[in-house]
């Protein structure tokens, strides 16, 4: 971990895939997560299915700072997999960012 500020940047994204597309979105998230975890400013990238509504997906991303998150969004793998393949499969998407102590 290269964060010397004692703080981090947390991003929570909630996805609701279009009907019948959840398995496809989950598979693509696996690819995106693997590539994202290798980014220099990434401290963690996990995703989970809602226990009561398995069509809902929560993504939990940790970065060293907002610039690292922006670098993630600018990355080739995010543009290709996230924006290019996952986002078109979603009926709803909410992304919220938080800053706080490690």
C-alpha atoms as a PDB file:
ATOM      1  CA  UNK A   1       0.000   0.000   0.000  1.00  0.00           C
ATOM      2  CA  UNK A   2       1.519   3.306  -1.042  1.00  0.00           C
ATOM      3  CA  UNK A   3      -0.909   5.647   0.763  1.00  0.00           C
ATOM      4  CA  UNK A   4       1.092   7.853   3.123  1.00  0.00           C
ATOM      5  CA  UNK A   5      -1.707  10.313   3.874  1.00  0.00           C
ATOM      6  CA  UNK A   6      -3.596   8.027   6.250  1.00  0.00           C
ATOM      7  CA  UNK A   7      -6.712   8.456   4.096  1.00  0.00           C
ATOM      8  CA  UNK A   8      -8.319   6.610   1.239  1.00  0.00           C
ATOM      9  CA  UNK A   9     -11.018   6.960  -1.373  1.00  0.00           C
ATOM     10  CA  UNK A  10     -13.947   4.527  -1.258  1.00  0.00           C
ATOM     11  CA  UNK A  11     -16.355   4.042  -4.139  1.00  0.00           C
ATOM     12  CA  UNK A  12     -19.628   2.126  -3.869  1.00  0.00           C
ATOM     13  CA  UNK A  13     -21.425   1.306  -7.091  1.00  0.00           C
ATOM     14  CA  UNK A  14     -24.817  -0.363  -7.248  1.00  0.00           C
ATOM     15  CA  UNK A  15     -25.764  -2.059 -10.492  1.00  0.00           C
ATOM     16  CA  UNK A  16     -29.113  -3.438 -11.596  1.00  0.00           C
ATOM     17  CA  UNK A  17     -28.599  -5.343 -14.834  1.00  0.00           C
ATOM     18  CA  UNK A  18     -31.338  -5.532 -17.416  1.00  0.00           C
ATOM     19  CA  UNK A  19     -33.508  -8.612 -16.989  1.00  0.00           C
ATOM     20  CA  UNK A  20     -31.631 -11.788 -17.874  1.00  0.00           C
ATOM     21  CA  UNK A  21     -28.199 -10.077 -18.015  1.00  0.00           C
ATOM     22  CA  UNK A  22     -26.986 -10.559 -14.408  1.00  0.00           C
ATOM     23  CA  UNK A  23     -24.763 -13.584 -15.123  1.00  0.00           C
ATOM     24  CA  UNK A  24     -23.122 -11.759 -18.032  1.00  0.00           C
ATOM     25  CA  UNK A  25     -22.494  -8.652 -15.910  1.00  0.00           C
ATOM     26  CA  UNK A  26     -20.995 -10.770 -13.107  1.00  0.00           C
ATOM     27  CA  UNK A  27     -18.635 -12.524 -15.529  1.00  0.00           C
ATOM     28  CA  UNK A  28     -17.491  -9.198 -16.971  1.00  0.00           C
ATOM     29  CA  UNK A  29     -17.038  -7.777 -13.459  1.00  0.00           C
ATOM     30  CA  UNK A  30     -14.677 -10.657 -12.735  1.00  0.00           C
ATOM     31  CA  UNK A  31     -12.496  -9.549 -15.658  1.00  0.00           C
ATOM     32  CA  UNK A  32     -12.711  -5.899 -14.675  1.00  0.00           C
ATOM     33  CA  UNK A  33     -11.922  -6.621 -11.023  1.00  0.00           C
ATOM     34  CA  UNK A  34      -8.793  -8.588 -11.895  1.00  0.00           C
ATOM     35  CA  UNK A  35      -7.435  -5.802 -14.094  1.00  0.00           C
ATOM     36  CA  UNK A  36      -8.444  -3.083 -11.622  1.00  0.00           C
ATOM     37  CA  UNK A  37      -6.682  -4.746  -8.681  1.00  0.00           C
ATOM     38  CA  UNK A  38      -3.402  -4.433 -10.617  1.00  0.00           C
ATOM     39  CA  UNK A  39      -3.673  -0.628 -10.866  1.00  0.00           C
ATOM     40  CA  UNK A  40      -1.016   1.248  -8.835  1.00  0.00           C
ATOM     41  CA  UNK A  41      -3.552   3.283  -6.802  1.00  0.00           C
ATOM     42  CA  UNK A  42      -6.034   0.455  -6.197  1.00  0.00           C
ATOM     43  CA  UNK A  43      -6.294  -0.866  -2.638  1.00  0.00           C
ATOM     44  CA  UNK A  44      -9.158  -3.282  -3.304  1.00  0.00           C
ATOM     45  CA  UNK A  45     -11.949  -4.152  -5.716  1.00  0.00           C
ATOM     46  CA  UNK A  46     -14.756  -6.545  -4.749  1.00  0.00           C
ATOM     47  CA  UNK A  47     -18.308  -7.127  -5.903  1.00  0.00           C
ATOM     48  CA  UNK A  48     -21.265  -8.832  -4.245  1.00  0.00           C
ATOM     49  CA  UNK A  49     -24.796  -9.939  -5.088  1.00  0.00           C
ATOM     50  CA  UNK A  50     -27.640  -8.700  -2.907  1.00  0.00           C
ATOM     51  CA  UNK A  51     -28.713 -11.563  -0.613  1.00  0.00           C
ATOM     52  CA  UNK A  52     -32.405 -10.723  -1.006  1.00  0.00           C
ATOM     53  CA  UNK A  53     -32.390  -9.495  -4.609  1.00  0.00           C
ATOM     54  CA  UNK A  54     -29.673 -11.434  -6.461  1.00  0.00           C
ATOM     55  CA  UNK A  55     -30.186  -9.286  -9.563  1.00  0.00           C
ATOM     56  CA  UNK A  56     -28.642  -6.331  -7.658  1.00  0.00           C
ATOM     57  CA  UNK A  57     -24.844  -6.026  -7.490  1.00  0.00           C
ATOM     58  CA  UNK A  58     -22.743  -3.934  -5.126  1.00  0.00           C
ATOM     59  CA  UNK A  59     -19.180  -3.039  -6.116  1.00  0.00           C
ATOM     60  CA  UNK A  60     -16.779  -1.898  -3.381  1.00  0.00           C
ATOM     61  CA  UNK A  61     -13.636  -0.150  -4.639  1.00  0.00           C
ATOM     62  CA  UNK A  62     -10.794   1.315  -2.554  1.00  0.00           C
ATOM     63  CA  UNK A  63      -8.204   3.722  -3.956  1.00  0.00           C
ATOM     64  CA  UNK A  64      -5.386   5.774  -2.493  1.00  0.00           C
ATOM     65  CA  UNK A  65      -7.117   9.000  -3.563  1.00  0.00           C
ATOM     66  CA  UNK A  66      -9.529  10.560  -6.050  1.00  0.00           C
ATOM     67  CA  UNK A  67      -6.778  10.786  -8.680  1.00  0.00           C
ATOM     68  CA  UNK A  68      -6.268   7.004  -8.499  1.00  0.00           C
ATOM     69  CA  UNK A  69     -10.001   6.495  -9.024  1.00  0.00           C
ATOM     70  CA  UNK A  70      -9.918   8.832 -12.019  1.00  0.00           C
ATOM     71  CA  UNK A  71      -6.945   6.887 -13.400  1.00  0.00           C
ATOM     72  CA  UNK A  72      -9.077   3.736 -13.051  1.00  0.00           C
ATOM     73  CA  UNK A  73     -11.925   5.352 -14.990  1.00  0.00           C
ATOM     74  CA  UNK A  74      -9.448   6.478 -17.666  1.00  0.00           C
ATOM     75  CA  UNK A  75      -7.808   3.040 -17.955  1.00  0.00           C
ATOM     76  CA  UNK A  76      -8.029   0.961 -21.109  1.00  0.00           C
ATOM     77  CA  UNK A  77      -9.633  -1.947 -19.264  1.00  0.00           C
ATOM     78  CA  UNK A  78     -12.366   0.241 -17.718  1.00  0.00           C
ATOM     79  CA  UNK A  79     -13.164   1.859 -21.058  1.00  0.00           C
ATOM     80  CA  UNK A  80     -13.227  -1.519 -22.821  1.00  0.00           C
ATOM     81  CA  UNK A  81     -14.943  -3.734 -20.210  1.00  0.00           C
ATOM     82  CA  UNK A  82     -16.742  -1.323 -17.879  1.00  0.00           C
ATOM     83  CA  UNK A  83     -17.977   1.434 -20.162  1.00  0.00           C
ATOM     84  CA  UNK A  84     -17.950  -0.603 -23.347  1.00  0.00           C
ATOM     85  CA  UNK A  85     -19.503  -3.882 -22.233  1.00  0.00           C
ATOM     86  CA  UNK A  86     -21.002  -3.656 -18.724  1.00  0.00           C
ATOM     87  CA  UNK A  87     -22.729  -0.261 -18.694  1.00  0.00           C
ATOM     88  CA  UNK A  88     -24.857  -1.027 -21.792  1.00  0.00           C
ATOM     89  CA  UNK A  89     -26.258  -4.074 -19.918  1.00  0.00           C
ATOM     90  CA  UNK A  90     -27.544  -2.072 -16.939  1.00  0.00           C
ATOM     91  CA  UNK A  91     -31.055  -0.848 -16.244  1.00  0.00           C
ATOM     92  CA  UNK A  92     -29.842   1.239 -13.270  1.00  0.00           C
ATOM     93  CA  UNK A  93     -26.500   2.393 -11.900  1.00  0.00           C
ATOM     94  CA  UNK A  94     -25.601   4.478  -8.844  1.00  0.00           C
ATOM     95  CA  UNK A  95     -22.025   5.442  -7.960  1.00  0.00           C
ATOM     96  CA  UNK A  96     -21.112   7.172  -4.692  1.00  0.00           C
ATOM     97  CA  UNK A  97     -17.599   8.156  -3.566  1.00  0.00           C
ATOM     98  CA  UNK A  98     -16.371   8.699   0.001  1.00  0.00           C
ATOM     99  CA  UNK A  99     -13.115   9.966   1.497  1.00  0.00           C
ATOM    100  CA  UNK A 100     -11.957   8.899   4.905  1.00  0.00           C
ATOM    101  CA  UNK A 101      -9.290   7.421   7.138  1.00  0.00           C
ATOM    102  CA  UNK A 102      -7.721   4.083   6.306  1.00  0.00           C
END
